[in-house]
Amino acid sequence: MGGKLTFISGGVRSGKSAYAEKLLVEGAATAEGRLVYIASGRAVDEEMRQRIEQHQLDRADVCWTTIEQSVDLEEVLPFIQPNDFVLWDCLTTWLANELYMEQNNTYCIHIKGCMEKKTARLYETVAAIREKASHFIIVSNEVLDEPASTYDETRKYCEWIGQLHQHIVKLADDAIEMDCGLPLYWKKEGQVAVR
């Protein structure tokens, strides 16, 4: 089955990335493993550029191998080694990037079957990283607490992120929701938490 898979979601600035980093740094120190950070963010505006810089500063004290991969997550597979402690930040950014990848002058979101192929490939990639790594953590934003959007593309995005979250949580050993810097475990080592 491979290594451990952890899914961490939460709102913007909820502490999910910092908590994921802490878990992996502690695990890697104990097992003498390599820390790998897969970054899916792209500096498309000033706010995103500043957030990326802040994440880089937050990791500066620890030796991370960083892989910039905004789309086509499967391309990281040759770089993942046994005993790696891998953080992918984040699923929601990857989804937006993939939905708006152009194919023949049309975005994937408008092409029938396009995202189905991409998500099938994603699930295979998640399984392959998990098989190689000691611990693989996937971070994602919780965007489904807001009322349903009136915009068709936003609704499609929400549908996709909901499907991705549910599928990955089924696969995960641990599922954590960050709230105000506190981890709420909804699933731990195959057990669903009762709240």
C-alpha atoms as a PDB file:
ATOM      1  CA  MET A   1       0.000   0.000   0.000  1.00  0.00           C
ATOM      2  CA  GLY A   2       2.950   2.357   0.429  1.00  0.00           C
ATOM      3  CA  GLY A   3       3.286   5.302   2.775  1.00  0.00           C
ATOM      4  CA  LYS A   4       0.831   7.368   4.717  1.00  0.00           C
ATOM      5  CA  LEU A   5      -1.570   9.766   2.963  1.00  0.00           C
ATOM      6  CA  THR A   6      -2.917  12.797   4.829  1.00  0.00           C
ATOM      7  CA  PHE A   7      -5.462  15.305   3.514  1.00  0.00           C
ATOM      8  CA  ILE A   8      -5.571  18.762   5.159  1.00  0.00           C
ATOM      9  CA  SER A   9      -8.212  21.331   4.252  1.00  0.00           C
ATOM     10  CA  GLY A  10      -9.241  24.649   5.731  1.00  0.00           C
ATOM     11  CA  GLY A  11     -10.073  28.224   4.945  1.00  0.00           C
ATOM     12  CA  VAL A  12      -7.591  30.812   3.716  1.00  0.00           C
ATOM     13  CA  ARG A  13      -4.968  31.554   6.397  1.00  0.00           C
ATOM     14  CA  SER A  14      -6.300  28.787   8.669  1.00  0.00           C
ATOM     15  CA  GLY A  15      -2.810  27.412   9.301  1.00  0.00           C
ATOM     16  CA  LYS A  16      -3.117  24.348   7.071  1.00  0.00           C
ATOM     17  CA  SER A  17       0.210  24.758   5.257  1.00  0.00           C
ATOM     18  CA  ALA A  18       2.117  25.450   8.470  1.00  0.00           C
ATOM     19  CA  TYR A  19       0.575  22.406  10.152  1.00  0.00           C
ATOM     20  CA  ALA A  20       1.344  20.186   7.148  1.00  0.00           C
ATOM     21  CA  GLU A  21       4.945  21.411   7.127  1.00  0.00           C
ATOM     22  CA  LYS A  22       5.280  20.735  10.866  1.00  0.00           C
ATOM     23  CA  LEU A  23       3.998  17.155  10.516  1.00  0.00           C
ATOM     24  CA  LEU A  24       6.419  16.396   7.705  1.00  0.00           C
ATOM     25  CA  VAL A  25       9.439  18.107   9.274  1.00  0.00           C
ATOM     26  CA  GLU A  26       8.924  16.058  12.454  1.00  0.00           C
ATOM     27  CA  GLY A  27       8.456  12.831  10.490  1.00  0.00           C
ATOM     28  CA  ALA A  28      11.446  13.424   8.236  1.00  0.00           C
ATOM     29  CA  ALA A  29      13.693  14.215  11.195  1.00  0.00           C
ATOM     30  CA  THR A  30      12.763  10.928  12.879  1.00  0.00           C
ATOM     31  CA  ALA A  31      13.120   8.818   9.716  1.00  0.00           C
ATOM     32  CA  GLU A  32      16.000  10.829   8.201  1.00  0.00           C
ATOM     33  CA  GLY A  33      13.916  11.364   5.083  1.00  0.00           C
ATOM     34  CA  ARG A  34      14.038  14.078   2.447  1.00  0.00           C
ATOM     35  CA  LEU A  35      11.465  16.896   2.523  1.00  0.00           C
ATOM     36  CA  VAL A  36       9.800  17.606  -0.838  1.00  0.00           C
ATOM     37  CA  TYR A  37       7.463  20.539  -1.452  1.00  0.00           C
ATOM     38  CA  ILE A  38       5.301  20.456  -4.586  1.00  0.00           C
ATOM     39  CA  ALA A  39       4.048  23.995  -5.213  1.00  0.00           C
ATOM     40  CA  SER A  40       1.105  24.505  -7.565  1.00  0.00           C
ATOM     41  CA  GLY A  41       0.719  28.247  -7.092  1.00  0.00           C
ATOM     42  CA  ARG A  42       1.445  30.686  -9.902  1.00  0.00           C
ATOM     43  CA  ALA A  43       2.134  34.366  -9.301  1.00  0.00           C
ATOM     44  CA  VAL A  44      -0.719  35.623 -11.474  1.00  0.00           C
ATOM     45  CA  ASP A  45      -1.191  38.815  -9.425  1.00  0.00           C
ATOM     46  CA  GLU A  46       0.518  40.782  -6.650  1.00  0.00           C
ATOM     47  CA  GLU A  47      -1.396  39.099  -3.812  1.00  0.00           C
ATOM     48  CA  MET A  48      -0.467  35.625  -5.053  1.00  0.00           C
ATOM     49  CA  ARG A  49       3.160  36.672  -5.529  1.00  0.00           C
ATOM     50  CA  GLN A  50       3.280  37.867  -1.916  1.00  0.00           C
ATOM     51  CA  ARG A  51       1.655  34.652  -0.637  1.00  0.00           C
ATOM     52  CA  ILE A  52       4.175  32.517  -2.541  1.00  0.00           C
ATOM     53  CA  GLU A  53       7.062  34.584  -1.150  1.00  0.00           C
ATOM     54  CA  GLN A  54       5.685  34.225   2.381  1.00  0.00           C
ATOM     55  CA  HIS A  55       5.405  30.433   2.001  1.00  0.00           C
ATOM     56  CA  GLN A  56       9.013  30.358   0.763  1.00  0.00           C
ATOM     57  CA  LEU A  57      10.162  32.420   3.765  1.00  0.00           C
ATOM     58  CA  ASP A  58       8.242  30.118   6.130  1.00  0.00           C
ATOM     59  CA  ARG A  59      10.212  27.149   4.747  1.00  0.00           C
ATOM     60  CA  ALA A  60      13.598  28.897   4.656  1.00  0.00           C
ATOM     61  CA  ASP A  61      14.863  27.440   7.958  1.00  0.00           C
ATOM     62  CA  VAL A  62      14.354  23.838   6.816  1.00  0.00           C
ATOM     63  CA  CYS A  63      15.917  22.119   3.817  1.00  0.00           C
ATOM     64  CA  TRP A  64      13.041  21.463   1.390  1.00  0.00           C
ATOM     65  CA  THR A  65      13.436  20.283  -2.176  1.00  0.00           C
ATOM     66  CA  THR A  66      10.877  22.412  -4.013  1.00  0.00           C
ATOM     67  CA  ILE A  67       9.209  21.371  -7.262  1.00  0.00           C
ATOM     68  CA  GLU A  68       7.146  24.037  -9.038  1.00  0.00           C
ATOM     69  CA  GLN A  69       4.307  22.149 -10.747  1.00  0.00           C
ATOM     70  CA  SER A  70       1.160  24.143 -11.498  1.00  0.00           C
ATOM     71  CA  VAL A  71      -0.411  21.500 -13.811  1.00  0.00           C
ATOM     72  CA  ASP A  72       0.281  17.898 -14.882  1.00  0.00           C
ATOM     73  CA  LEU A  73       1.147  16.648 -11.391  1.00  0.00           C
ATOM     74  CA  GLU A  74       2.318  13.329 -12.841  1.00  0.00           C
ATOM     75  CA  GLU A  75       5.478  15.091 -14.063  1.00  0.00           C
ATOM     76  CA  VAL A  76       6.826  15.135 -10.472  1.00  0.00           C
ATOM     77  CA  LEU A  77       6.913  11.321 -10.239  1.00  0.00           C
ATOM     78  CA  PRO A  78      10.526  10.856 -11.456  1.00  0.00           C
ATOM     79  CA  PHE A  79      11.706  13.235  -8.707  1.00  0.00           C
ATOM     80  CA  ILE A  80      10.009  11.434  -5.788  1.00  0.00           C
ATOM     81  CA  GLN A  81      12.274   8.995  -3.963  1.00  0.00           C
ATOM     82  CA  PRO A  82      11.623   6.257  -1.401  1.00  0.00           C
ATOM     83  CA  ASN A  83      11.460   7.632   2.172  1.00  0.00           C
ATOM     84  CA  ASP A  84      10.497  11.134   0.952  1.00  0.00           C
ATOM     85  CA  PHE A  85       8.130  13.273   3.018  1.00  0.00           C
ATOM     86  CA  VAL A  86       6.062  15.071   0.387  1.00  0.00           C
ATOM     87  CA  LEU A  87       3.792  18.115   0.720  1.00  0.00           C
ATOM     88  CA  TRP A  88       1.581  19.188  -2.184  1.00  0.00           C
ATOM     89  CA  ASP A  89       0.210  22.715  -1.771  1.00  0.00           C
ATOM     90  CA  CYS A  90      -2.408  22.916  -3.062  1.00  0.00           C
ATOM     91  CA  LEU A  91      -5.201  20.940  -4.721  1.00  0.00           C
ATOM     92  CA  THR A  92      -7.518  23.924  -5.199  1.00  0.00           C
ATOM     93  CA  THR A  93      -4.864  25.912  -7.051  1.00  0.00           C
ATOM     94  CA  TRP A  94      -4.030  22.912  -9.234  1.00  0.00           C
ATOM     95  CA  LEU A  95      -7.733  22.518 -10.098  1.00  0.00           C
ATOM     96  CA  ALA A  96      -8.079  26.160 -11.161  1.00  0.00           C
ATOM     97  CA  ASN A  97      -4.894  25.895 -13.224  1.00  0.00           C
ATOM     98  CA  GLU A  98      -6.109  22.720 -14.959  1.00  0.00           C
ATOM     99  CA  LEU A  99      -9.638  24.003 -15.598  1.00  0.00           C
ATOM    100  CA  TYR A 100      -8.196  27.005 -17.403  1.00  0.00           C
ATOM    101  CA  MET A 101      -5.504  25.212 -19.410  1.00  0.00           C
ATOM    102  CA  GLU A 102      -6.011  25.958 -23.077  1.00  0.00           C
ATOM    103  CA  GLN A 103      -6.480  23.185 -25.608  1.00  0.00           C
ATOM    104  CA  ASN A 104      -7.078  24.303 -29.175  1.00  0.00           C
ATOM    105  CA  ASN A 105      -7.976  27.838 -28.015  1.00  0.00           C
ATOM    106  CA  THR A 106     -10.586  26.507 -25.551  1.00  0.00           C
ATOM    107  CA  TYR A 107     -10.278  26.123 -21.793  1.00  0.00           C
ATOM    108  CA  CYS A 108     -10.551  22.626 -20.338  1.00  0.00           C
ATOM    109  CA  ILE A 109     -13.600  23.691 -18.291  1.00  0.00           C
ATOM    110  CA  HIS A 110     -15.502  24.054 -21.594  1.00  0.00           C
ATOM    111  CA  ILE A 111     -14.347  20.766 -23.166  1.00  0.00           C
ATOM    112  CA  LYS A 112     -16.494  17.705 -22.540  1.00  0.00           C
ATOM    113  CA  GLY A 113     -14.518  14.967 -20.784  1.00  0.00           C
ATOM    114  CA  CYS A 114     -11.389  17.095 -20.299  1.00  0.00           C
ATOM    115  CA  MET A 115     -11.465  17.255 -16.490  1.00  0.00           C
ATOM    116  CA  GLU A 116     -12.533  13.630 -16.219  1.00  0.00           C
ATOM    117  CA  LYS A 117      -9.256  12.647 -17.903  1.00  0.00           C
ATOM    118  CA  LYS A 118      -7.244  15.029 -15.737  1.00  0.00           C
ATOM    119  CA  THR A 119      -8.780  13.797 -12.472  1.00  0.00           C
ATOM    120  CA  ALA A 120      -8.286  10.134 -13.444  1.00  0.00           C
ATOM    121  CA  ARG A 121      -4.615  10.930 -14.078  1.00  0.00           C
ATOM    122  CA  LEU A 122      -4.469  12.832 -10.766  1.00  0.00           C
ATOM    123  CA  TYR A 123      -5.797   9.857  -8.783  1.00  0.00           C
ATOM    124  CA  GLU A 124      -3.190   7.601 -10.414  1.00  0.00           C
ATOM    125  CA  THR A 125      -0.478  10.136  -9.545  1.00  0.00           C
ATOM    126  CA  VAL A 126      -1.610  10.429  -5.924  1.00  0.00           C
ATOM    127  CA  ALA A 127      -1.462   6.627  -5.619  1.00  0.00           C
ATOM    128  CA  ALA A 128       1.998   6.535  -7.226  1.00  0.00           C
ATOM    129  CA  ILE A 129       3.419   9.251  -4.937  1.00  0.00           C
ATOM    130  CA  ARG A 130       1.924   7.511  -1.917  1.00  0.00           C
ATOM    131  CA  GLU A 131       3.502   4.233  -3.033  1.00  0.00           C
ATOM    132  CA  LYS A 132       6.974   5.807  -3.143  1.00  0.00           C
ATOM    133  CA  ALA A 133       6.879   8.316  -0.265  1.00  0.00           C
ATOM    134  CA  SER A 134       6.913   7.653   3.472  1.00  0.00           C
ATOM    135  CA  HIS A 135       4.287  10.350   4.030  1.00  0.00           C
ATOM    136  CA  PHE A 136       2.355  12.366   1.457  1.00  0.00           C
ATOM    137  CA  ILE A 137       0.263  15.342   2.567  1.00  0.00           C
ATOM    138  CA  ILE A 138      -2.204  17.051   0.240  1.00  0.00           C
ATOM    139  CA  VAL A 139      -3.346  20.551   1.242  1.00  0.00           C
ATOM    140  CA  SER A 140      -6.558  22.077  -0.104  1.00  0.00           C
ATOM    141  CA  ASN A 141      -8.731  25.108   0.550  1.00  0.00           C
ATOM    142  CA  GLU A 142     -12.208  24.681   1.941  1.00  0.00           C
ATOM    143  CA  VAL A 143     -14.332  26.685  -0.492  1.00  0.00           C
ATOM    144  CA  LEU A 144     -17.677  24.917  -0.143  1.00  0.00           C
ATOM    145  CA  ASP A 145     -18.943  26.681   2.989  1.00  0.00           C
ATOM    146  CA  GLU A 146     -20.216  29.646   0.994  1.00  0.00           C
ATOM    147  CA  PRO A 147     -23.679  29.833  -0.626  1.00  0.00           C
ATOM    148  CA  ALA A 148     -23.927  28.354  -4.127  1.00  0.00           C
ATOM    149  CA  SER A 149     -22.693  30.733  -6.811  1.00  0.00           C
ATOM    150  CA  THR A 150     -24.895  32.064  -9.585  1.00  0.00           C
ATOM    151  CA  TYR A 151     -21.945  31.781 -12.002  1.00  0.00           C
ATOM    152  CA  ASP A 152     -21.829  28.562 -14.015  1.00  0.00           C
ATOM    153  CA  GLU A 153     -18.024  28.267 -14.014  1.00  0.00           C
ATOM    154  CA  THR A 154     -17.836  28.822 -10.250  1.00  0.00           C
ATOM    155  CA  ARG A 155     -20.465  26.117  -9.730  1.00  0.00           C
ATOM    156  CA  LYS A 156     -18.458  23.736 -11.928  1.00  0.00           C
ATOM    157  CA  TYR A 157     -15.310  24.515  -9.938  1.00  0.00           C
ATOM    158  CA  CYS A 158     -17.151  23.805  -6.664  1.00  0.00           C
ATOM    159  CA  GLU A 159     -18.519  20.533  -8.035  1.00  0.00           C
ATOM    160  CA  TRP A 160     -15.038  19.417  -9.062  1.00  0.00           C
ATOM    161  CA  ILE A 161     -13.362  20.393  -5.792  1.00  0.00           C
ATOM    162  CA  GLY A 162     -16.116  18.619  -3.840  1.00  0.00           C
ATOM    163  CA  GLN A 163     -15.604  15.425  -5.856  1.00  0.00           C
ATOM    164  CA  LEU A 164     -11.817  15.632  -5.479  1.00  0.00           C
ATOM    165  CA  HIS A 165     -12.038  16.195  -1.721  1.00  0.00           C
ATOM    166  CA  GLN A 166     -14.405  13.253  -1.209  1.00  0.00           C
ATOM    167  CA  HIS A 167     -12.325  10.873  -3.319  1.00  0.00           C
ATOM    168  CA  ILE A 168      -9.020  11.795  -1.694  1.00  0.00           C
ATOM    169  CA  VAL A 169     -10.476  11.617   1.833  1.00  0.00           C
ATOM    170  CA  LYS A 170     -11.646   8.059   1.064  1.00  0.00           C
ATOM    171  CA  LEU A 171      -8.049   7.176   0.152  1.00  0.00           C
ATOM    172  CA  ALA A 172      -6.443   9.071   3.037  1.00  0.00           C
ATOM    173  CA  ASP A 173      -5.294   7.654   6.358  1.00  0.00           C
ATOM    174  CA  ASP A 174      -5.941  11.003   8.061  1.00  0.00           C
ATOM    175  CA  ALA A 175      -8.332  13.798   7.081  1.00  0.00           C
ATOM    176  CA  ILE A 176      -7.835  17.059   8.944  1.00  0.00           C
ATOM    177  CA  GLU A 177      -9.693  20.353   8.818  1.00  0.00           C
ATOM    178  CA  MET A 178      -7.799  23.375  10.106  1.00  0.00           C
ATOM    179  CA  ASP A 179      -9.822  26.003  11.950  1.00  0.00           C
ATOM    180  CA  CYS A 180      -8.123  29.012  13.572  1.00  0.00           C
ATOM    181  CA  GLY A 181      -4.816  27.149  13.627  1.00  0.00           C
ATOM    182  CA  LEU A 182      -6.302  24.071  15.313  1.00  0.00           C
ATOM    183  CA  PRO A 183      -6.383  20.662  13.601  1.00  0.00           C
ATOM    184  CA  LEU A 184      -9.742  18.897  13.687  1.00  0.00           C
ATOM    185  CA  TYR A 185      -9.304  15.244  12.781  1.00  0.00           C
ATOM    186  CA  TRP A 186     -12.319  13.929  10.846  1.00  0.00           C
ATOM    187  CA  LYS A 187     -10.533  10.700   9.995  1.00  0.00           C
ATOM    188  CA  LYS A 188      -7.527   9.201  11.717  1.00  0.00           C
ATOM    189  CA  GLU A 189      -5.797   6.020  10.563  1.00  0.00           C
ATOM    190  CA  GLY A 190      -8.975   4.740   8.878  1.00  0.00           C
ATOM    191  CA  GLN A 191     -11.353   5.705  11.704  1.00  0.00           C
ATOM    192  CA  VAL A 192     -14.033   8.342  11.107  1.00  0.00           C
ATOM    193  CA  ALA A 193     -14.290  10.820  13.969  1.00  0.00           C
ATOM    194  CA  VAL A 194     -17.705  11.272  15.555  1.00  0.00           C
ATOM    195  CA  ARG A 195     -18.460  14.883  16.518  1.00  0.00           C
END
